[in-house]
Amino acid sequence: MAEQKHILMVAVQKPVEALRMASGLTLLDDAVAIAVWGRLPQGPEAAEQMEALEFADVPVAELDPGTDALAALARQIMDNDVVYCV
C-alpha cells in the first residue's frame, strides 16, 4: 500500500473549479487541503462544493492578499507533497 500523500489545492483564478477538483481528490486516500487566494465566491456552485468538502473534513484557508498571505502560502506549499494551482 502506498504512503499517504498531502495534496494542496490553491484556488487563485478559478476558485469554484478548484473546489470541485479538491472534492474529487477526496476519493483518494490522501490528505487534501485548500488555500484560497482572497475570499471564496458566494453562490450555489461554491456552496455545493463546500458542503462536500466539509463532509470530507477538508480544511479550507482563505488567504488575505493584504496581509502576510504569500509567506503563509509558501509554508503550505513546502508542507505538501503535491500542489495544484487553479
N, C-alpha and C. Protein backbone atom coordinates (compact mmCIF):
# COMPACT_ATOMS: atom_id res chain seq x y z
N MET A 1 0.84 -1.19 0.00
CA MET A 1 0.00 0.00 0.00
C MET A 1 0.89 1.24 0.00
N ALA A 2 0.54 2.22 -0.83
CA ALA A 2 1.33 3.44 -0.97
C ALA A 2 1.15 4.34 0.25
N GLU A 3 2.19 5.11 0.51
CA GLU A 3 2.14 6.07 1.62
C GLU A 3 1.19 7.21 1.28
N GLN A 4 0.46 7.71 2.30
CA GLN A 4 -0.48 8.79 2.09
C GLN A 4 0.26 10.07 1.69
N LYS A 5 -0.23 10.72 0.65
CA LYS A 5 0.33 11.99 0.20
C LYS A 5 -0.52 13.13 0.76
N HIS A 6 0.11 14.28 0.86
CA HIS A 6 -0.57 15.50 1.28
C HIS A 6 -0.69 16.39 0.04
N ILE A 7 -1.93 16.69 -0.32
CA ILE A 7 -2.23 17.45 -1.54
C ILE A 7 -2.79 18.81 -1.17
N LEU A 8 -2.22 19.86 -1.75
CA LEU A 8 -2.72 21.22 -1.55
C LEU A 8 -3.30 21.73 -2.85
N MET A 9 -4.54 22.19 -2.80
CA MET A 9 -5.19 22.82 -3.94
C MET A 9 -5.21 24.32 -3.67
N VAL A 10 -4.54 25.09 -4.53
CA VAL A 10 -4.50 26.54 -4.38
C VAL A 10 -5.50 27.14 -5.37
N ALA A 11 -6.52 27.78 -4.85
CA ALA A 11 -7.56 28.39 -5.68
C ALA A 11 -7.20 29.84 -5.91
N VAL A 12 -6.86 30.17 -7.16
CA VAL A 12 -6.43 31.53 -7.48
C VAL A 12 -7.40 32.16 -8.49
N GLN A 13 -7.41 31.67 -9.71
CA GLN A 13 -8.21 32.30 -10.77
C GLN A 13 -9.58 31.66 -10.96
N LYS A 14 -9.71 30.37 -10.67
CA LYS A 14 -10.99 29.67 -10.83
C LYS A 14 -11.30 28.93 -9.53
N PRO A 15 -11.71 29.66 -8.49
CA PRO A 15 -11.89 29.03 -7.18
C PRO A 15 -12.96 27.95 -7.13
N VAL A 16 -14.06 28.11 -7.84
CA VAL A 16 -15.10 27.08 -7.81
C VAL A 16 -14.59 25.81 -8.47
N GLU A 17 -13.87 25.94 -9.56
CA GLU A 17 -13.27 24.78 -10.22
C GLU A 17 -12.25 24.11 -9.30
N ALA A 18 -11.48 24.88 -8.57
CA ALA A 18 -10.52 24.32 -7.63
C ALA A 18 -11.24 23.54 -6.52
N LEU A 19 -12.36 24.06 -6.03
CA LEU A 19 -13.15 23.36 -5.02
C LEU A 19 -13.68 22.04 -5.58
N ARG A 20 -14.14 22.07 -6.83
CA ARG A 20 -14.66 20.86 -7.47
C ARG A 20 -13.56 19.81 -7.61
N MET A 21 -12.39 20.25 -8.05
CA MET A 21 -11.27 19.33 -8.21
C MET A 21 -10.85 18.74 -6.85
N ALA A 22 -10.82 19.57 -5.83
CA ALA A 22 -10.45 19.10 -4.50
C ALA A 22 -11.47 18.09 -3.98
N SER A 23 -12.75 18.31 -4.28
CA SER A 23 -13.78 17.34 -3.90
C SER A 23 -13.50 15.99 -4.53
N GLY A 24 -13.10 15.99 -5.78
CA GLY A 24 -12.76 14.74 -6.46
C GLY A 24 -11.55 14.07 -5.86
N LEU A 25 -10.59 14.86 -5.42
CA LEU A 25 -9.37 14.29 -4.82
C LEU A 25 -9.64 13.61 -3.48
N THR A 26 -10.76 13.93 -2.86
CA THR A 26 -11.07 13.29 -1.58
C THR A 26 -11.40 11.81 -1.76
N LEU A 27 -11.64 11.38 -3.00
CA LEU A 27 -11.91 9.96 -3.25
C LEU A 27 -10.65 9.12 -3.08
N LEU A 28 -9.51 9.75 -3.13
CA LEU A 28 -8.25 9.05 -2.88
C LEU A 28 -8.07 8.90 -1.38
N ASP A 29 -7.10 8.14 -0.98
CA ASP A 29 -6.81 8.00 0.45
C ASP A 29 -5.74 9.00 0.89
N ASP A 30 -5.66 10.12 0.20
CA ASP A 30 -4.66 11.14 0.51
C ASP A 30 -5.31 12.30 1.26
N ALA A 31 -4.48 13.03 2.01
CA ALA A 31 -4.95 14.21 2.73
C ALA A 31 -5.02 15.39 1.77
N VAL A 32 -6.15 16.08 1.75
CA VAL A 32 -6.37 17.21 0.84
C VAL A 32 -6.63 18.46 1.68
N ALA A 33 -6.02 19.58 1.27
CA ALA A 33 -6.27 20.88 1.89
C ALA A 33 -6.41 21.91 0.77
N ILE A 34 -7.10 23.00 1.08
CA ILE A 34 -7.33 24.06 0.09
C ILE A 34 -6.88 25.39 0.65
N ALA A 35 -6.16 26.15 -0.17
CA ALA A 35 -5.79 27.53 0.15
C ALA A 35 -6.41 28.42 -0.92
N VAL A 36 -7.25 29.36 -0.51
CA VAL A 36 -7.93 30.25 -1.44
C VAL A 36 -7.26 31.61 -1.38
N TRP A 37 -6.80 32.10 -2.52
CA TRP A 37 -6.19 33.43 -2.58
C TRP A 37 -7.32 34.44 -2.62
N GLY A 38 -7.55 35.11 -1.51
CA GLY A 38 -8.67 36.05 -1.40
C GLY A 38 -9.86 35.37 -0.75
N ARG A 39 -11.04 35.82 -1.09
CA ARG A 39 -12.29 35.29 -0.50
C ARG A 39 -12.90 34.24 -1.41
N LEU A 40 -13.57 33.29 -0.80
CA LEU A 40 -14.33 32.30 -1.58
C LEU A 40 -15.52 32.98 -2.24
N PRO A 41 -15.85 32.60 -3.46
CA PRO A 41 -17.04 33.18 -4.08
C PRO A 41 -18.30 32.68 -3.40
N GLN A 42 -19.35 33.46 -3.50
CA GLN A 42 -20.66 33.09 -2.96
C GLN A 42 -21.50 32.55 -4.11
N GLY A 43 -22.44 31.72 -3.79
CA GLY A 43 -23.34 31.21 -4.82
C GLY A 43 -23.55 29.72 -4.65
N PRO A 44 -24.54 29.19 -5.37
CA PRO A 44 -24.89 27.79 -5.21
C PRO A 44 -23.80 26.82 -5.63
N GLU A 45 -23.02 27.17 -6.67
CA GLU A 45 -21.97 26.26 -7.13
C GLU A 45 -20.90 26.09 -6.06
N ALA A 46 -20.47 27.19 -5.48
CA ALA A 46 -19.45 27.14 -4.42
C ALA A 46 -20.01 26.47 -3.17
N ALA A 47 -21.26 26.75 -2.83
CA ALA A 47 -21.87 26.17 -1.63
C ALA A 47 -21.98 24.65 -1.75
N GLU A 48 -22.30 24.17 -2.93
CA GLU A 48 -22.40 22.72 -3.15
C GLU A 48 -21.06 22.04 -2.92
N GLN A 49 -20.00 22.63 -3.46
CA GLN A 49 -18.66 22.05 -3.29
C GLN A 49 -18.19 22.15 -1.85
N MET A 50 -18.49 23.27 -1.19
CA MET A 50 -18.09 23.44 0.20
C MET A 50 -18.79 22.42 1.10
N GLU A 51 -20.02 22.09 0.79
CA GLU A 51 -20.75 21.09 1.57
C GLU A 51 -20.04 19.74 1.48
N ALA A 52 -19.63 19.36 0.27
CA ALA A 52 -18.92 18.09 0.09
C ALA A 52 -17.57 18.11 0.80
N LEU A 53 -16.87 19.24 0.73
CA LEU A 53 -15.56 19.35 1.37
C LEU A 53 -15.67 19.33 2.89
N GLU A 54 -16.69 19.96 3.42
CA GLU A 54 -16.91 19.93 4.87
C GLU A 54 -17.21 18.51 5.33
N PHE A 55 -17.99 17.78 4.55
CA PHE A 55 -18.31 16.39 4.87
C PHE A 55 -17.04 15.54 4.91
N ALA A 56 -16.09 15.85 4.03
CA ALA A 56 -14.83 15.09 3.95
C ALA A 56 -13.77 15.66 4.90
N ASP A 57 -14.11 16.65 5.70
CA ASP A 57 -13.18 17.28 6.65
C ASP A 57 -11.94 17.86 5.96
N VAL A 58 -12.15 18.50 4.83
CA VAL A 58 -11.05 19.14 4.10
C VAL A 58 -10.90 20.57 4.62
N PRO A 59 -9.73 20.92 5.14
CA PRO A 59 -9.54 22.29 5.62
C PRO A 59 -9.43 23.29 4.45
N VAL A 60 -10.12 24.41 4.61
CA VAL A 60 -10.11 25.47 3.61
C VAL A 60 -9.62 26.74 4.29
N ALA A 61 -8.53 27.32 3.77
CA ALA A 61 -7.97 28.55 4.34
C ALA A 61 -8.08 29.67 3.31
N GLU A 62 -8.70 30.77 3.71
CA GLU A 62 -8.74 31.95 2.86
C GLU A 62 -7.53 32.81 3.19
N LEU A 63 -6.75 33.14 2.18
CA LEU A 63 -5.53 33.94 2.36
C LEU A 63 -5.80 35.37 1.92
N ASP A 64 -5.72 36.30 2.85
CA ASP A 64 -5.96 37.71 2.56
C ASP A 64 -4.71 38.31 1.93
N PRO A 65 -4.77 38.69 0.64
CA PRO A 65 -3.58 39.22 -0.04
C PRO A 65 -3.03 40.49 0.62
N GLY A 66 -3.83 41.16 1.45
CA GLY A 66 -3.38 42.38 2.12
C GLY A 66 -2.48 42.11 3.31
N THR A 67 -2.37 40.86 3.73
CA THR A 67 -1.56 40.52 4.89
C THR A 67 -0.33 39.72 4.44
N ASP A 68 0.19 38.92 5.33
CA ASP A 68 1.37 38.11 5.03
C ASP A 68 0.96 36.80 4.36
N ALA A 69 0.02 36.87 3.43
CA ALA A 69 -0.54 35.68 2.79
C ALA A 69 0.48 34.93 1.95
N LEU A 70 1.38 35.63 1.31
CA LEU A 70 2.37 34.97 0.45
C LEU A 70 3.28 34.06 1.28
N ALA A 71 3.69 34.50 2.44
CA ALA A 71 4.51 33.67 3.31
C ALA A 71 3.73 32.46 3.81
N ALA A 72 2.46 32.67 4.15
CA ALA A 72 1.62 31.55 4.60
C ALA A 72 1.44 30.53 3.49
N LEU A 73 1.23 31.01 2.27
CA LEU A 73 1.09 30.10 1.13
C LEU A 73 2.39 29.35 0.87
N ALA A 74 3.51 30.03 0.97
CA ALA A 74 4.81 29.37 0.76
C ALA A 74 5.02 28.25 1.78
N ARG A 75 4.64 28.48 3.04
CA ARG A 75 4.76 27.44 4.06
C ARG A 75 3.88 26.24 3.72
N GLN A 76 2.66 26.51 3.28
CA GLN A 76 1.76 25.42 2.92
C GLN A 76 2.30 24.63 1.73
N ILE A 77 2.85 25.31 0.76
CA ILE A 77 3.42 24.62 -0.40
C ILE A 77 4.55 23.71 0.03
N MET A 78 5.40 24.19 0.91
CA MET A 78 6.54 23.40 1.36
C MET A 78 6.11 22.18 2.19
N ASP A 79 4.96 22.27 2.86
CA ASP A 79 4.48 21.20 3.73
C ASP A 79 3.71 20.11 3.00
N ASN A 80 3.49 20.26 1.70
CA ASN A 80 2.70 19.30 0.96
C ASN A 80 3.53 18.60 -0.11
N ASP A 81 3.07 17.40 -0.48
CA ASP A 81 3.77 16.60 -1.49
C ASP A 81 3.39 17.01 -2.91
N VAL A 82 2.13 17.38 -3.11
CA VAL A 82 1.61 17.75 -4.42
C VAL A 82 0.84 19.05 -4.27
N VAL A 83 1.04 19.98 -5.22
CA VAL A 83 0.35 21.27 -5.18
C VAL A 83 -0.27 21.53 -6.56
N TYR A 84 -1.56 21.82 -6.55
CA TYR A 84 -2.25 22.20 -7.79
C TYR A 84 -2.68 23.65 -7.63
N CYS A 85 -2.43 24.46 -8.67
CA CYS A 85 -2.87 25.86 -8.68
C CYS A 85 -3.89 26.02 -9.80
N VAL A 86 -5.08 26.45 -9.42
CA VAL A 86 -6.15 26.59 -10.40
C VAL A 86 -6.69 28.01 -10.34
